[in-house]
């Protein structure tokens, strides 16, 4: 097999109806610490019933205002891979790839530096959904069984979303 270079084409994104979707974790990258000292866990999920993949760089640390934040804990609870409080989670691909959960998904406007994507909307996780009473994971490492799932997205909430202040953004 060989590769021959072709000019890249602009990536197209499917429109997405905002709502709640079941998903499966399809990729996990190595964790790292960013320039602000925040711990980063890059993950990719695929929404059930779609061809849409969403990449998220989950972070935990301190905001620019000095407030602690944690985007990783809700994800771990959502996929039922959270350890007991103060224990180290298993971030390995073996542990997380194939894990299933449910998330509230919305479209967000691109805010990066690539001019060709400015003004375009991309699917993004607005909230990882989980049982608020759950304290530790209830699924063993090899068990991929999950609670009841739904194939169609739930109706989108008409409540306005709270927008973070610039200083609360962890990057």
N, C-alpha and C. Protein backbone atom coordinates (compact mmCIF):
# COMPACT_ATOMS: atom_id res chain seq x y z
N UNK A 1 0.85 -1.17 0.00
CA UNK A 1 0.00 0.00 0.00
C UNK A 1 0.90 1.24 0.00
N UNK A 2 0.50 2.24 -0.75
CA UNK A 2 1.28 3.49 -0.78
C UNK A 2 0.33 4.67 -0.60
N UNK A 3 0.94 5.80 -0.35
CA UNK A 3 0.17 7.03 -0.13
C UNK A 3 0.59 8.06 -1.15
N UNK A 4 -0.38 8.73 -1.75
CA UNK A 4 -0.11 9.84 -2.65
C UNK A 4 -0.84 11.06 -2.12
N UNK A 5 -0.11 12.12 -1.98
CA UNK A 5 -0.66 13.36 -1.42
C UNK A 5 -1.73 13.94 -2.33
N UNK A 6 -2.82 14.42 -1.72
CA UNK A 6 -3.87 15.16 -2.40
C UNK A 6 -4.12 16.41 -1.58
N UNK A 7 -4.54 17.49 -2.22
CA UNK A 7 -4.86 18.71 -1.48
C UNK A 7 -5.98 18.40 -0.48
N UNK A 8 -5.85 18.90 0.74
CA UNK A 8 -6.90 18.61 1.73
C UNK A 8 -8.22 19.29 1.37
N UNK A 9 -9.31 18.63 1.73
CA UNK A 9 -10.63 19.21 1.52
C UNK A 9 -11.14 19.72 2.85
N UNK A 10 -12.04 20.68 2.80
CA UNK A 10 -12.59 21.24 4.03
C UNK A 10 -13.45 20.19 4.70
N UNK A 11 -13.26 20.03 5.99
CA UNK A 11 -14.02 19.05 6.76
C UNK A 11 -15.45 19.53 6.93
N UNK A 12 -16.39 18.64 6.68
CA UNK A 12 -17.81 18.96 6.83
C UNK A 12 -18.32 18.35 8.12
N UNK A 13 -19.22 19.04 8.79
CA UNK A 13 -19.81 18.55 10.01
C UNK A 13 -21.31 18.44 9.83
N UNK A 14 -21.86 17.31 10.32
CA UNK A 14 -23.29 17.11 10.25
C UNK A 14 -23.99 18.06 11.22
N UNK A 15 -25.12 18.61 10.82
CA UNK A 15 -25.89 19.37 11.80
C UNK A 15 -26.36 18.41 12.89
N UNK A 16 -26.45 18.91 14.09
CA UNK A 16 -26.82 18.07 15.22
C UNK A 16 -27.95 18.71 15.99
N UNK A 17 -29.00 17.94 16.22
CA UNK A 17 -30.10 18.42 17.05
C UNK A 17 -29.63 18.37 18.51
N UNK A 18 -29.61 19.51 19.20
CA UNK A 18 -29.20 19.49 20.61
C UNK A 18 -30.12 18.58 21.42
N UNK A 19 -29.54 17.90 22.38
CA UNK A 19 -30.32 17.02 23.25
C UNK A 19 -29.42 16.05 23.99
N UNK A 20 -30.03 15.04 24.57
CA UNK A 20 -29.30 14.02 25.31
C UNK A 20 -29.05 12.83 24.40
N UNK A 21 -27.80 12.35 24.39
CA UNK A 21 -27.40 11.24 23.52
C UNK A 21 -26.62 10.21 24.32
N UNK A 22 -26.84 8.93 23.99
CA UNK A 22 -25.98 7.87 24.48
C UNK A 22 -24.69 7.94 23.67
N UNK A 23 -23.59 7.55 24.28
CA UNK A 23 -22.31 7.57 23.56
C UNK A 23 -21.44 6.42 24.02
N UNK A 24 -20.39 6.17 23.25
CA UNK A 24 -19.34 5.23 23.61
C UNK A 24 -18.01 5.96 23.47
N UNK A 25 -17.10 5.71 24.41
CA UNK A 25 -15.76 6.29 24.34
C UNK A 25 -14.98 5.52 23.27
N UNK A 26 -14.48 6.23 22.26
CA UNK A 26 -13.79 5.58 21.15
C UNK A 26 -12.28 5.85 21.13
N UNK A 27 -11.82 6.84 21.89
CA UNK A 27 -10.38 7.13 21.92
C UNK A 27 -10.04 7.85 23.21
N UNK A 28 -8.86 7.56 23.73
CA UNK A 28 -8.31 8.23 24.91
C UNK A 28 -6.84 8.47 24.63
N UNK A 29 -6.40 9.70 24.78
CA UNK A 29 -4.99 10.03 24.58
C UNK A 29 -4.30 10.11 25.94
N UNK A 30 -2.97 10.16 25.92
CA UNK A 30 -2.21 10.30 27.16
C UNK A 30 -2.56 11.60 27.86
N UNK A 31 -2.64 11.55 29.18
CA UNK A 31 -2.89 12.75 29.97
C UNK A 31 -1.63 13.61 29.96
N UNK A 32 -1.83 14.91 30.20
CA UNK A 32 -0.70 15.82 30.27
C UNK A 32 -1.10 17.04 31.09
N UNK A 33 -0.11 17.85 31.41
CA UNK A 33 -0.34 19.11 32.11
C UNK A 33 -0.10 20.24 31.12
N UNK A 34 -1.06 21.17 31.00
CA UNK A 34 -0.92 22.27 30.03
C UNK A 34 -0.06 23.39 30.62
N UNK A 35 0.13 24.46 29.85
CA UNK A 35 0.97 25.59 30.27
C UNK A 35 0.46 26.29 31.53
N UNK A 36 -0.83 26.17 31.81
CA UNK A 36 -1.42 26.79 33.00
C UNK A 36 -1.34 25.88 34.23
N UNK A 37 -0.75 24.69 34.06
CA UNK A 37 -0.63 23.76 35.17
C UNK A 37 -1.86 22.89 35.39
N UNK A 38 -2.81 22.91 34.45
CA UNK A 38 -4.03 22.12 34.58
C UNK A 38 -3.82 20.73 33.99
N UNK A 39 -4.40 19.72 34.64
CA UNK A 39 -4.34 18.34 34.20
C UNK A 39 -5.34 18.15 33.06
N UNK A 40 -4.90 17.54 31.94
CA UNK A 40 -5.75 17.39 30.75
C UNK A 40 -5.91 15.90 30.41
N UNK A 41 -7.16 15.49 30.15
CA UNK A 41 -7.48 14.14 29.69
C UNK A 41 -8.21 14.27 28.35
N UNK A 42 -7.52 14.01 27.22
CA UNK A 42 -8.18 14.07 25.92
C UNK A 42 -8.97 12.78 25.64
N UNK A 43 -10.27 12.93 25.34
CA UNK A 43 -11.11 11.77 25.02
C UNK A 43 -11.92 12.07 23.75
N UNK A 44 -12.33 11.01 23.09
CA UNK A 44 -13.23 11.14 21.94
C UNK A 44 -14.38 10.18 22.16
N UNK A 45 -15.60 10.68 21.90
CA UNK A 45 -16.79 9.85 22.02
C UNK A 45 -17.51 9.81 20.67
N UNK A 46 -18.26 8.75 20.45
CA UNK A 46 -19.13 8.64 19.28
C UNK A 46 -20.56 8.58 19.78
N UNK A 47 -21.41 9.44 19.23
CA UNK A 47 -22.81 9.48 19.64
C UNK A 47 -23.56 8.33 18.99
N UNK A 48 -24.30 7.59 19.81
CA UNK A 48 -25.06 6.44 19.32
C UNK A 48 -26.11 6.90 18.31
N UNK A 49 -26.22 6.14 17.23
CA UNK A 49 -27.22 6.44 16.21
C UNK A 49 -26.79 7.54 15.24
N UNK A 50 -25.53 8.00 15.36
CA UNK A 50 -25.01 9.02 14.45
C UNK A 50 -23.61 8.61 14.01
N UNK A 51 -23.04 9.39 13.13
CA UNK A 51 -21.63 9.21 12.74
C UNK A 51 -20.78 10.32 13.36
N UNK A 52 -21.32 10.96 14.36
CA UNK A 52 -20.66 12.13 14.95
C UNK A 52 -19.71 11.71 16.06
N UNK A 53 -18.45 12.13 15.92
CA UNK A 53 -17.44 11.96 16.95
C UNK A 53 -17.19 13.33 17.57
N UNK A 54 -17.07 13.35 18.88
CA UNK A 54 -16.77 14.60 19.59
C UNK A 54 -15.51 14.40 20.40
N UNK A 55 -14.52 15.25 20.17
CA UNK A 55 -13.29 15.23 20.95
C UNK A 55 -13.39 16.29 22.03
N UNK A 56 -13.05 15.89 23.25
CA UNK A 56 -13.06 16.80 24.40
C UNK A 56 -11.73 16.72 25.12
N UNK A 57 -11.21 17.88 25.47
CA UNK A 57 -10.00 17.96 26.28
C UNK A 57 -10.47 18.31 27.68
N UNK A 58 -10.73 17.27 28.46
CA UNK A 58 -11.25 17.46 29.82
C UNK A 58 -10.11 17.94 30.71
N UNK A 59 -10.41 18.90 31.56
CA UNK A 59 -9.36 19.52 32.38
C UNK A 59 -9.77 19.58 33.84
N UNK A 60 -8.77 19.65 34.70
CA UNK A 60 -8.97 19.87 36.13
C UNK A 60 -7.82 20.73 36.62
N UNK A 61 -8.12 21.69 37.46
CA UNK A 61 -7.08 22.57 37.98
C UNK A 61 -7.66 23.84 38.54
N UNK A 62 -6.99 24.96 38.24
CA UNK A 62 -7.39 26.27 38.73
C UNK A 62 -7.68 27.18 37.55
N UNK A 63 -8.78 27.95 37.66
CA UNK A 63 -9.11 28.94 36.63
C UNK A 63 -8.17 30.13 36.77
N UNK A 64 -8.23 31.03 35.82
CA UNK A 64 -7.40 32.24 35.89
C UNK A 64 -7.77 33.11 37.08
N UNK A 65 -8.98 32.94 37.59
CA UNK A 65 -9.41 33.68 38.78
C UNK A 65 -9.02 32.97 40.07
N UNK A 66 -8.33 31.84 39.94
CA UNK A 66 -7.90 31.11 41.12
C UNK A 66 -8.94 30.18 41.71
N UNK A 67 -10.00 29.90 40.95
CA UNK A 67 -11.06 29.01 41.42
C UNK A 67 -10.79 27.58 40.91
N UNK A 68 -10.93 26.58 41.79
CA UNK A 68 -10.73 25.20 41.33
C UNK A 68 -11.88 24.77 40.41
N UNK A 69 -11.57 23.94 39.44
CA UNK A 69 -12.58 23.37 38.56
C UNK A 69 -12.18 21.94 38.22
N UNK A 70 -13.15 21.11 37.85
CA UNK A 70 -12.88 19.72 37.50
C UNK A 70 -13.91 19.26 36.47
N UNK A 71 -13.46 19.11 35.23
CA UNK A 71 -14.32 18.61 34.16
C UNK A 71 -14.16 17.10 33.99
N UNK A 72 -13.17 16.51 34.68
CA UNK A 72 -12.88 15.08 34.53
C UNK A 72 -13.79 14.23 35.41
N UNK A 73 -14.05 14.67 36.65
CA UNK A 73 -14.88 13.88 37.57
C UNK A 73 -16.27 13.59 37.02
N UNK A 74 -16.98 14.59 36.45
CA UNK A 74 -18.31 14.27 35.89
C UNK A 74 -18.24 13.25 34.75
N UNK A 75 -17.19 13.33 33.93
CA UNK A 75 -17.02 12.35 32.85
C UNK A 75 -16.83 10.96 33.43
N UNK A 76 -15.94 10.82 34.43
CA UNK A 76 -15.69 9.51 35.03
C UNK A 76 -16.96 8.93 35.67
N UNK A 77 -17.76 9.77 36.34
CA UNK A 77 -19.02 9.28 36.92
C UNK A 77 -19.98 8.87 35.82
N UNK A 78 -20.01 9.64 34.74
CA UNK A 78 -20.91 9.36 33.63
C UNK A 78 -20.65 7.98 33.03
N UNK A 79 -19.37 7.64 32.85
CA UNK A 79 -19.02 6.34 32.25
C UNK A 79 -18.79 5.26 33.31
N UNK A 80 -19.11 5.60 34.57
CA UNK A 80 -19.04 4.67 35.69
C UNK A 80 -17.64 4.09 35.86
N UNK A 81 -16.65 4.97 35.80
CA UNK A 81 -15.25 4.59 36.01
C UNK A 81 -14.61 5.40 37.12
N UNK A 82 -15.42 6.04 37.94
CA UNK A 82 -14.88 6.86 39.02
C UNK A 82 -14.46 5.99 40.20
N UNK A 83 -13.28 6.26 40.76
CA UNK A 83 -12.87 5.54 41.97
C UNK A 83 -13.46 6.22 43.20
N UNK A 84 -13.10 5.73 44.38
CA UNK A 84 -13.50 6.39 45.62
C UNK A 84 -12.77 7.73 45.70
N UNK A 85 -13.30 8.65 46.49
CA UNK A 85 -12.69 9.97 46.68
C UNK A 85 -11.24 9.80 47.11
N UNK A 86 -10.36 10.63 46.54
CA UNK A 86 -8.92 10.66 46.81
C UNK A 86 -8.15 9.47 46.27
N UNK A 87 -8.80 8.61 45.48
CA UNK A 87 -8.08 7.52 44.80
C UNK A 87 -7.76 7.95 43.38
N UNK A 88 -6.70 7.36 42.81
CA UNK A 88 -6.26 7.68 41.46
C UNK A 88 -7.12 6.92 40.44
N UNK A 89 -7.76 7.63 39.49
CA UNK A 89 -8.53 6.93 38.45
C UNK A 89 -7.61 6.21 37.47
N UNK A 90 -8.16 5.24 36.78
CA UNK A 90 -7.44 4.54 35.70
C UNK A 90 -7.79 5.23 34.39
N UNK A 91 -6.85 6.01 33.85
CA UNK A 91 -7.07 6.75 32.61
C UNK A 91 -6.60 5.97 31.38
N UNK A 92 -6.28 4.71 31.54
CA UNK A 92 -5.73 3.93 30.42
C UNK A 92 -6.81 3.69 29.36
N UNK A 93 -6.37 3.58 28.10
CA UNK A 93 -7.33 3.24 27.04
C UNK A 93 -8.06 1.93 27.34
N UNK A 94 -7.36 0.96 27.93
CA UNK A 94 -7.98 -0.33 28.25
C UNK A 94 -9.18 -0.15 29.18
N UNK A 95 -9.08 0.80 30.09
CA UNK A 95 -10.17 1.05 31.04
C UNK A 95 -11.30 1.86 30.42
N UNK A 96 -10.95 2.88 29.62
CA UNK A 96 -11.97 3.84 29.17
C UNK A 96 -12.56 3.57 27.79
N UNK A 97 -11.77 3.05 26.84
CA UNK A 97 -12.33 2.82 25.50
C UNK A 97 -13.39 1.73 25.58
N UNK A 98 -14.55 2.02 25.03
CA UNK A 98 -15.68 1.11 25.08
C UNK A 98 -16.66 1.44 26.20
N UNK A 99 -16.23 2.29 27.13
CA UNK A 99 -17.14 2.70 28.20
C UNK A 99 -18.29 3.49 27.59
N UNK A 100 -19.46 3.37 28.19
CA UNK A 100 -20.66 4.02 27.66
C UNK A 100 -21.24 4.97 28.68
N UNK A 101 -21.95 5.96 28.17
CA UNK A 101 -22.59 6.92 29.05
C UNK A 101 -23.64 7.71 28.29
N UNK A 102 -24.09 8.78 28.90
CA UNK A 102 -25.10 9.65 28.31
C UNK A 102 -24.67 11.09 28.57
N UNK A 103 -24.81 11.92 27.54
CA UNK A 103 -24.38 13.32 27.66
C UNK A 103 -25.38 14.25 27.02
N UNK A 104 -25.44 15.46 27.56
CA UNK A 104 -26.22 16.52 26.93
C UNK A 104 -25.28 17.18 25.93
N UNK A 105 -25.70 17.20 24.66
CA UNK A 105 -24.85 17.69 23.58
C UNK A 105 -25.51 18.89 22.93
N UNK A 106 -24.69 19.85 22.57
CA UNK A 106 -25.16 21.08 21.94
C UNK A 106 -24.16 21.46 20.84
N UNK A 107 -24.46 22.49 20.12
CA UNK A 107 -23.54 23.01 19.12
C UNK A 107 -22.88 24.27 19.67
N UNK A 108 -21.56 24.36 19.51
CA UNK A 108 -20.82 25.53 19.97
C UNK A 108 -20.11 26.17 18.79
N UNK A 109 -20.02 27.48 18.83
CA UNK A 109 -19.32 28.19 17.77
C UNK A 109 -17.82 28.01 17.94
N UNK A 110 -17.14 27.74 16.84
CA UNK A 110 -15.69 27.56 16.84
C UNK A 110 -15.02 28.82 17.35
N UNK A 111 -14.06 28.67 18.27
CA UNK A 111 -13.40 29.83 18.84
C UNK A 111 -11.88 29.76 18.68
N UNK A 112 -11.40 28.88 17.82
CA UNK A 112 -9.96 28.75 17.62
C UNK A 112 -9.40 29.78 16.66
N UNK A 113 -8.18 29.54 16.22
CA UNK A 113 -7.47 30.50 15.37
C UNK A 113 -7.56 30.20 13.88
N UNK A 114 -8.16 29.08 13.49
CA UNK A 114 -8.24 28.71 12.09
C UNK A 114 -9.36 29.50 11.41
N UNK A 115 -9.00 30.42 10.53
CA UNK A 115 -9.97 31.34 9.91
C UNK A 115 -11.07 30.60 9.14
N UNK A 116 -10.76 29.48 8.53
CA UNK A 116 -11.78 28.79 7.71
C UNK A 116 -12.90 28.19 8.56
N UNK A 117 -12.69 28.04 9.88
CA UNK A 117 -13.73 27.50 10.76
C UNK A 117 -14.45 28.58 11.56
N UNK A 118 -13.99 29.82 11.51
CA UNK A 118 -14.62 30.91 12.27
C UNK A 118 -16.10 31.01 11.93
N UNK A 119 -16.93 31.15 12.94
CA UNK A 119 -18.37 31.32 12.74
C UNK A 119 -19.13 30.03 12.53
N UNK A 120 -18.44 28.88 12.43
CA UNK A 120 -19.11 27.60 12.23
C UNK A 120 -19.41 26.96 13.58
N UNK A 121 -20.48 26.19 13.62
CA UNK A 121 -20.86 25.48 14.83
C UNK A 121 -20.38 24.04 14.77
N UNK A 122 -19.93 23.54 15.92
CA UNK A 122 -19.46 22.18 16.04
C UNK A 122 -20.16 21.52 17.23
N UNK A 123 -20.46 20.21 17.13
CA UNK A 123 -21.08 19.53 18.26
C UNK A 123 -20.10 19.48 19.44
N UNK A 124 -20.61 19.67 20.65
CA UNK A 124 -19.79 19.63 21.86
C UNK A 124 -20.62 19.13 23.02
N UNK A 125 -19.96 18.51 23.99
CA UNK A 125 -20.66 18.05 25.19
C UNK A 125 -20.90 19.25 26.09
N UNK A 126 -22.16 19.46 26.44
CA UNK A 126 -22.53 20.54 27.36
C UNK A 126 -22.53 20.03 28.79
N UNK A 127 -22.84 18.74 28.98
CA UNK A 127 -22.89 18.17 30.33
C UNK A 127 -22.81 16.65 30.24
N UNK A 128 -22.00 16.06 31.13
CA UNK A 128 -21.95 14.60 31.27
C UNK A 128 -23.04 14.22 32.26
N UNK A 129 -23.94 13.32 31.89
CA UNK A 129 -25.07 12.96 32.73
C UNK A 129 -24.76 11.71 33.54
N UNK A 130 -25.12 11.73 34.83
CA UNK A 130 -24.86 10.59 35.70
C UNK A 130 -25.80 10.64 36.89
N UNK A 131 -25.86 9.52 37.61
CA UNK A 131 -26.66 9.41 38.82
C UNK A 131 -25.98 10.23 39.92
N UNK A 132 -26.63 11.28 40.38
CA UNK A 132 -26.04 12.19 41.37
C UNK A 132 -25.83 11.51 42.72
N UNK A 133 -26.48 10.37 42.97
CA UNK A 133 -26.32 9.67 44.24
C UNK A 133 -25.16 8.68 44.21
N UNK A 134 -24.63 8.38 43.03
CA UNK A 134 -23.55 7.40 42.88
C UNK A 134 -22.28 7.92 43.55
N UNK A 135 -21.64 7.09 44.37
CA UNK A 135 -20.40 7.51 45.03
C UNK A 135 -19.17 6.89 44.40
N UNK A 136 -19.23 5.61 44.04
CA UNK A 136 -18.11 4.96 43.35
C UNK A 136 -18.65 4.16 42.19
N UNK A 137 -17.78 3.79 41.30
CA UNK A 137 -18.18 3.03 40.13
C UNK A 137 -18.84 1.72 40.54
N UNK A 138 -19.88 1.35 39.81
CA UNK A 138 -20.60 0.13 40.13
C UNK A 138 -20.39 -0.94 39.08
N UNK A 139 -19.46 -0.68 38.16
CA UNK A 139 -19.18 -1.61 37.08
C UNK A 139 -17.74 -2.09 37.22
N UNK A 140 -17.52 -3.39 37.11
CA UNK A 140 -16.15 -3.90 37.17
C UNK A 140 -15.41 -3.52 35.90
N UNK A 141 -14.08 -3.62 35.91
CA UNK A 141 -13.25 -3.21 34.78
C UNK A 141 -13.72 -3.81 33.46
N UNK A 142 -14.03 -5.08 33.42
CA UNK A 142 -14.36 -5.72 32.15
C UNK A 142 -15.82 -5.63 31.76
N UNK A 143 -16.67 -5.15 32.65
CA UNK A 143 -18.11 -5.13 32.40
C UNK A 143 -18.50 -3.89 31.62
N UNK A 144 -19.05 -4.08 30.44
CA UNK A 144 -19.48 -2.94 29.61
C UNK A 144 -20.99 -2.73 29.70
N UNK A 145 -21.68 -3.50 30.56
CA UNK A 145 -23.12 -3.33 30.70
C UNK A 145 -23.42 -1.95 31.26
N UNK A 146 -24.47 -1.35 30.81
CA UNK A 146 -24.81 0.00 31.22
C UNK A 146 -26.30 0.10 31.50
N UNK A 147 -26.71 1.18 32.15
CA UNK A 147 -28.13 1.37 32.40
C UNK A 147 -28.91 1.56 31.10
N UNK A 148 -30.22 1.55 31.22
CA UNK A 148 -31.11 1.73 30.07
C UNK A 148 -30.67 2.91 29.22
N UNK A 149 -30.71 2.73 27.90
CA UNK A 149 -30.32 3.82 27.01
C UNK A 149 -31.49 4.15 26.08
N UNK A 150 -31.35 5.28 25.41
CA UNK A 150 -32.39 5.78 24.53
C UNK A 150 -31.77 6.09 23.19
N UNK A 151 -32.45 5.75 22.11
CA UNK A 151 -31.90 5.97 20.78
C UNK A 151 -32.12 7.38 20.27
N UNK A 152 -33.20 8.03 20.66
CA UNK A 152 -33.51 9.36 20.14
C UNK A 152 -33.15 10.41 21.17
N UNK A 153 -32.68 11.57 20.71
CA UNK A 153 -32.36 12.63 21.67
C UNK A 153 -33.61 13.14 22.34
N UNK A 154 -33.46 13.53 23.61
CA UNK A 154 -34.57 14.13 24.34
C UNK A 154 -34.78 15.54 23.82
N UNK A 155 -35.94 16.09 24.06
CA UNK A 155 -36.21 17.47 23.64
C UNK A 155 -35.22 18.40 24.32
N UNK A 156 -34.73 19.35 23.56
CA UNK A 156 -33.75 20.30 24.09
C UNK A 156 -34.43 21.23 25.07
N UNK A 157 -33.70 21.58 26.12
CA UNK A 157 -34.22 22.50 27.12
C UNK A 157 -34.27 23.91 26.54
N UNK A 158 -35.30 24.64 26.88
CA UNK A 158 -35.40 26.02 26.40
C UNK A 158 -34.77 26.99 27.39
N UNK A 159 -34.27 26.48 28.51
CA UNK A 159 -33.63 27.35 29.51
C UNK A 159 -32.31 27.88 28.95
N UNK A 160 -32.01 29.15 29.18
CA UNK A 160 -30.75 29.69 28.67
C UNK A 160 -29.57 29.05 29.37
N UNK A 161 -28.47 28.85 28.60
CA UNK A 161 -27.27 28.26 29.16
C UNK A 161 -26.43 29.35 29.81
N UNK A 162 -25.85 29.03 30.95
CA UNK A 162 -24.95 29.98 31.61
C UNK A 162 -23.65 30.03 30.81
N UNK A 163 -23.21 31.22 30.51
CA UNK A 163 -21.97 31.40 29.76
C UNK A 163 -20.84 31.70 30.73
N UNK A 164 -19.67 30.99 30.58
CA UNK A 164 -18.55 31.25 31.49
C UNK A 164 -17.94 32.61 31.18
N UNK A 165 -17.42 33.25 32.21
CA UNK A 165 -16.68 34.48 32.00
C UNK A 165 -15.32 34.10 31.41
N UNK A 166 -14.70 35.03 30.68
CA UNK A 166 -13.40 34.76 30.06
C UNK A 166 -12.38 34.26 31.08
N UNK A 167 -12.41 34.81 32.28
CA UNK A 167 -11.44 34.42 33.29
C UNK A 167 -11.72 33.06 33.89
N UNK A 168 -12.90 32.48 33.66
CA UNK A 168 -13.23 31.17 34.19
C UNK A 168 -12.86 30.04 33.23
N UNK A 169 -12.45 30.37 32.02
CA UNK A 169 -12.08 29.37 31.04
C UNK A 169 -10.69 28.86 31.41
N UNK A 170 -10.53 27.53 31.52
CA UNK A 170 -9.28 26.98 32.05
C UNK A 170 -8.07 27.08 31.12
N UNK A 171 -8.22 27.48 29.90
CA UNK A 171 -7.07 27.49 28.98
C UNK A 171 -6.61 28.88 28.70
